[in-house]
PDB file of N, CA and C in Angstrom:
ATOM      1  N   MET A   1      65.915 -24.107  -7.772  1.00  0.00           N
ATOM      2  CA  MET A   1      64.148 -23.543  -8.413  1.00  0.00           C
ATOM      3  C   MET A   1      64.671 -23.188  -9.454  1.00  0.00           C
ATOM      4  N   ASP A   2      64.096 -22.472  -9.761  1.00  0.00           N
ATOM      5  CA  ASP A   2      64.368 -22.118 -11.654  1.00  0.00           C
ATOM      6  C   ASP A   2      64.317 -20.921 -12.159  1.00  0.00           C
ATOM      7  N   ILE A   3      64.425 -19.955 -11.767  1.00  0.00           N
ATOM      8  CA  ILE A   3      64.259 -18.410 -11.950  1.00  0.00           C
ATOM      9  C   ILE A   3      64.091 -18.816 -13.585  1.00  0.00           C
ATOM     10  N   ARG A   4      64.772 -19.445 -14.336  1.00  0.00           N
ATOM     11  CA  ARG A   4      64.503 -18.477 -15.173  1.00  0.00           C
ATOM     12  C   ARG A   4      63.889 -20.124 -16.993  1.00  0.00           C
ATOM     13  N   LYS A   5      63.614 -20.691 -16.025  1.00  0.00           N
ATOM     14  CA  LYS A   5      62.457 -21.684 -16.169  1.00  0.00           C
ATOM     15  C   LYS A   5      60.725 -20.093 -15.972  1.00  0.00           C
ATOM     16  N   ILE A   6      60.607 -19.884 -15.065  1.00  0.00           N
ATOM     17  CA  ILE A   6      59.451 -19.717 -14.837  1.00  0.00           C
ATOM     18  C   ILE A   6      59.594 -18.487 -15.452  1.00  0.00           C
ATOM     19  N   ALA A   7      60.591 -17.840 -15.438  1.00  0.00           N
ATOM     20  CA  ALA A   7      60.919 -16.489 -15.802  1.00  0.00           C
ATOM     21  C   ALA A   7      60.076 -17.136 -17.138  1.00  0.00           C
ATOM     22  N   LYS A   8      60.512 -17.683 -18.350  1.00  0.00           N
ATOM     23  CA  LYS A   8      59.711 -18.364 -19.556  1.00  0.00           C
ATOM     24  C   LYS A   8      59.297 -18.201 -19.671  1.00  0.00           C
ATOM     25  N   LEU A   9      57.887 -19.266 -19.160  1.00  0.00           N
ATOM     26  CA  LEU A   9      57.135 -19.826 -19.138  1.00  0.00           C
ATOM     27  C   LEU A   9      56.128 -18.779 -18.845  1.00  0.00           C
ATOM     28  N   ALA A  10      56.152 -17.681 -18.336  1.00  0.00           N
ATOM     29  CA  ALA A  10      55.762 -16.414 -17.980  1.00  0.00           C
ATOM     30  C   ALA A  10      56.681 -15.208 -19.029  1.00  0.00           C
ATOM     31  N   HIS A  11      56.213 -15.776 -20.119  1.00  0.00           N
ATOM     32  CA  HIS A  11      57.200 -15.607 -21.561  1.00  0.00           C
ATOM     33  C   HIS A  11      58.466 -13.603 -20.478  1.00  0.00           C
ATOM     34  N   LEU A  12      58.568 -13.519 -19.394  1.00  0.00           N
ATOM     35  CA  LEU A  12      59.302 -12.816 -19.271  1.00  0.00           C
ATOM     36  C   LEU A  12      60.567 -12.852 -19.343  1.00  0.00           C
ATOM     37  N   GLU A  13      61.536 -11.362 -20.130  1.00  0.00           N
ATOM     38  CA  GLU A  13      62.699 -11.754 -19.909  1.00  0.00           C
ATOM     39  C   GLU A  13      64.168 -11.308 -18.716  1.00  0.00           C
ATOM     40  N   ILE A  14      64.533 -12.048 -17.823  1.00  0.00           N
ATOM     41  CA  ILE A  14      65.332 -11.259 -16.621  1.00  0.00           C
ATOM     42  C   ILE A  14      66.979 -11.207 -16.363  1.00  0.00           C
ATOM     43  N   THR A  15      67.502 -10.438 -16.382  1.00  0.00           N
ATOM     44  CA  THR A  15      68.976 -10.444 -16.136  1.00  0.00           C
ATOM     45  C   THR A  15      69.365 -11.760 -15.467  1.00  0.00           C
ATOM     46  N   ASP A  16      70.734 -11.034 -15.312  1.00  0.00           N
ATOM     47  CA  ASP A  16      72.198 -12.501 -14.462  1.00  0.00           C
ATOM     48  C   ASP A  16      71.354 -12.237 -13.268  1.00  0.00           C
ATOM     49  N   ASP A  17      71.602 -10.442 -13.203  1.00  0.00           N
ATOM     50  CA  ASP A  17      71.014  -9.184 -11.693  1.00  0.00           C
ATOM     51  C   ASP A  17      69.636  -9.841 -11.004  1.00  0.00           C
ATOM     52  N   GLU A  18      68.724  -9.727 -12.100  1.00  0.00           N
ATOM     53  CA  GLU A  18      67.613 -10.410 -11.551  1.00  0.00           C
ATOM     54  C   GLU A  18      67.169 -11.267 -10.664  1.00  0.00           C
ATOM     55  N   VAL A  19      67.937 -12.874 -11.864  1.00  0.00           N
ATOM     56  CA  VAL A  19      67.601 -14.054 -11.278  1.00  0.00           C
ATOM     57  C   VAL A  19      68.378 -14.020  -9.850  1.00  0.00           C
ATOM     58  N   ALA A  20      69.597 -13.002  -9.747  1.00  0.00           N
ATOM     59  CA  ALA A  20      70.212 -12.692  -8.242  1.00  0.00           C
ATOM     60  C   ALA A  20      69.688 -12.799  -7.323  1.00  0.00           C
ATOM     61  N   LEU A  21      68.739 -11.720  -7.696  1.00  0.00           N
ATOM     62  CA  LEU A  21      67.642 -11.047  -6.790  1.00  0.00           C
ATOM     63  C   LEU A  21      66.827 -11.637  -6.322  1.00  0.00           C
ATOM     64  N   TYR A  22      65.285 -12.335  -7.670  1.00  0.00           N
ATOM     65  CA  TYR A  22      64.981 -13.203  -7.131  1.00  0.00           C
ATOM     66  C   TYR A  22      64.433 -14.447  -6.751  1.00  0.00           C
ATOM     67  N   THR A  23      65.992 -15.279  -7.127  1.00  0.00           N
ATOM     68  CA  THR A  23      66.377 -17.099  -5.803  1.00  0.00           C
ATOM     69  C   THR A  23      66.463 -16.865  -4.342  1.00  0.00           C
ATOM     70  N   PRO A  24      66.698 -15.782  -4.380  1.00  0.00           N
ATOM     71  CA  PRO A  24      66.305 -16.040  -2.761  1.00  0.00           C
ATOM     72  C   PRO A  24      65.008 -15.363  -2.327  1.00  0.00           C
ATOM     73  N   GLN A  25      64.560 -14.862  -2.730  1.00  0.00           N
ATOM     74  CA  GLN A  25      62.958 -14.396  -2.556  1.00  0.00           C
ATOM     75  C   GLN A  25      61.603 -15.288  -2.762  1.00  0.00           C
ATOM     76  N   MET A  26      61.805 -15.938  -4.193  1.00  0.00           N
ATOM     77  CA  MET A  26      61.058 -17.506  -4.503  1.00  0.00           C
ATOM     78  C   MET A  26      61.507 -18.337  -3.755  1.00  0.00           C
ATOM     79  N   GLN A  27      62.659 -18.350  -2.906  1.00  0.00           N
ATOM     80  CA  GLN A  27      62.543 -19.318  -1.970  1.00  0.00           C
ATOM     81  C   GLN A  27      61.986 -19.609  -1.394  1.00  0.00           C
ATOM     82  N   GLY A  28      62.315 -17.825  -0.191  1.00  0.00           N
ATOM     83  CA  GLY A  28      61.450 -18.284   0.827  1.00  0.00           C
ATOM     84  C   GLY A  28      60.114 -17.891   0.969  1.00  0.00           C
ATOM     85  N   ILE A  29      59.665 -17.262  -0.468  1.00  0.00           N
ATOM     86  CA  ILE A  29      58.087 -17.688  -0.704  1.00  0.00           C
ATOM     87  C   ILE A  29      57.678 -19.221  -0.582  1.00  0.00           C
ATOM     88  N   VAL A  30      58.737 -20.227  -1.374  1.00  0.00           N
ATOM     89  CA  VAL A  30      58.381 -21.329  -1.427  1.00  0.00           C
ATOM     90  C   VAL A  30      58.614 -22.756  -0.394  1.00  0.00           C
ATOM     91  N   SER A  31      59.372 -22.158   0.799  1.00  0.00           N
ATOM     92  CA  SER A  31      59.136 -21.943   1.846  1.00  0.00           C
ATOM     93  C   SER A  31      58.006 -21.938   2.933  1.00  0.00           C
ATOM     94  N   TYR A  32      57.420 -20.683   2.612  1.00  0.00           N
ATOM     95  CA  TYR A  32      56.286 -19.916   3.855  1.00  0.00           C
ATOM     96  C   TYR A  32      55.128 -21.023   3.612  1.00  0.00           C
ATOM     97  N   ILE A  33      54.814 -21.342   2.432  1.00  0.00           N
ATOM     98  CA  ILE A  33      54.379 -22.259   1.439  1.00  0.00           C
ATOM     99  C   ILE A  33      54.033 -23.313   2.244  1.00  0.00           C
ATOM    100  N   GLU A  34      55.384 -23.851   2.332  1.00  0.00           N
ATOM    101  CA  GLU A  34      55.393 -24.955   2.929  1.00  0.00           C
ATOM    102  C   GLU A  34      54.995 -24.864   4.400  1.00  0.00           C
ATOM    103  N   GLN A  35      55.221 -24.528   5.061  1.00  0.00           N
ATOM    104  CA  GLN A  35      54.701 -24.239   6.702  1.00  0.00           C
ATOM    105  C   GLN A  35      53.276 -24.058   6.425  1.00  0.00           C
ATOM    106  N   LEU A  36      52.857 -23.508   5.931  1.00  0.00           N
ATOM    107  CA  LEU A  36      51.398 -23.448   5.779  1.00  0.00           C
ATOM    108  C   LEU A  36      50.795 -24.202   5.827  1.00  0.00           C
ATOM    109  N   ASN A  37      50.604 -25.145   4.456  1.00  0.00           N
ATOM    110  CA  ASN A  37      50.300 -27.066   3.976  1.00  0.00           C
ATOM    111  C   ASN A  37      50.870 -27.325   5.427  1.00  0.00           C
ATOM    112  N   GLU A  38      52.156 -27.227   6.581  1.00  0.00           N
ATOM    113  CA  GLU A  38      52.375 -28.216   7.461  1.00  0.00           C
ATOM    114  C   GLU A  38      50.730 -27.855   8.882  1.00  0.00           C
ATOM    115  N   LEU A  39      50.213 -27.113   8.398  1.00  0.00           N
ATOM    116  CA  LEU A  39      49.398 -26.008   9.331  1.00  0.00           C
ATOM    117  C   LEU A  39      48.191 -27.325  10.167  1.00  0.00           C
ATOM    118  N   ASP A  40      47.722 -27.632  10.530  1.00  0.00           N
ATOM    119  CA  ASP A  40      46.570 -28.419  11.425  1.00  0.00           C
ATOM    120  C   ASP A  40      45.288 -27.085  11.029  1.00  0.00           C
ATOM    121  N   THR A  41      44.305 -27.708  10.074  1.00  0.00           N
ATOM    122  CA  THR A  41      42.725 -26.748  10.041  1.00  0.00           C
ATOM    123  C   THR A  41      41.239 -27.128  10.244  1.00  0.00           C
TER     124      THR A  41
END
Protein backbone atom coordinates (compact mmCIF):
# COMPACT_ATOMS: atom_id res chain seq x y z
CA MET A 1 0.00 0.00 0.00
CA ASP A 2 1.43 3.35 -1.02
CA ILE A 3 0.57 5.72 1.81
CA ARG A 4 2.50 8.57 0.21
CA LYS A 5 0.40 8.31 -2.96
CA ILE A 6 -2.82 8.32 -0.94
CA ALA A 7 -1.62 11.34 1.04
CA LYS A 8 -0.68 13.16 -2.16
CA LEU A 9 -4.11 12.49 -3.68
CA ALA A 10 -5.67 13.89 -0.50
CA HIS A 11 -3.32 16.91 -0.61
CA LEU A 12 -1.73 15.93 2.71
CA GLU A 13 1.89 16.24 3.72
CA ILE A 14 3.09 13.38 5.90
CA THR A 15 6.40 12.55 7.53
CA ASP A 16 8.35 9.30 7.31
CA ASP A 17 7.23 8.52 10.87
CA GLU A 18 3.60 8.96 9.86
CA VAL A 19 4.09 6.67 6.85
CA ALA A 20 5.51 4.02 9.18
CA LEU A 21 2.54 4.48 11.53
CA TYR A 22 -0.23 4.56 8.92
CA THR A 23 0.95 1.75 6.63
CA PRO A 24 0.05 -1.16 8.95
CA GLN A 25 -3.16 0.59 9.98
CA MET A 26 -4.28 0.99 6.37
CA GLN A 27 -3.33 -2.62 5.61
CA GLY A 28 -5.51 -3.73 8.52
CA ILE A 29 -8.44 -1.64 7.28
CA VAL A 30 -8.14 -3.03 3.75
CA SER A 31 -7.90 -6.57 5.11
CA TYR A 32 -11.06 -6.04 7.16
CA ILE A 33 -12.93 -4.68 4.14
CA GLU A 34 -11.83 -7.69 2.08
CA GLN A 35 -13.25 -9.97 4.77
CA LEU A 36 -16.55 -8.09 4.68
CA ASN A 37 -16.70 -8.47 0.90
CA GLU A 38 -16.44 -12.25 1.29
CA LEU A 39 -19.51 -12.50 3.54
CA ASP A 40 -22.74 -13.90 2.15
CA THR A 41 -25.54 -11.41 2.62
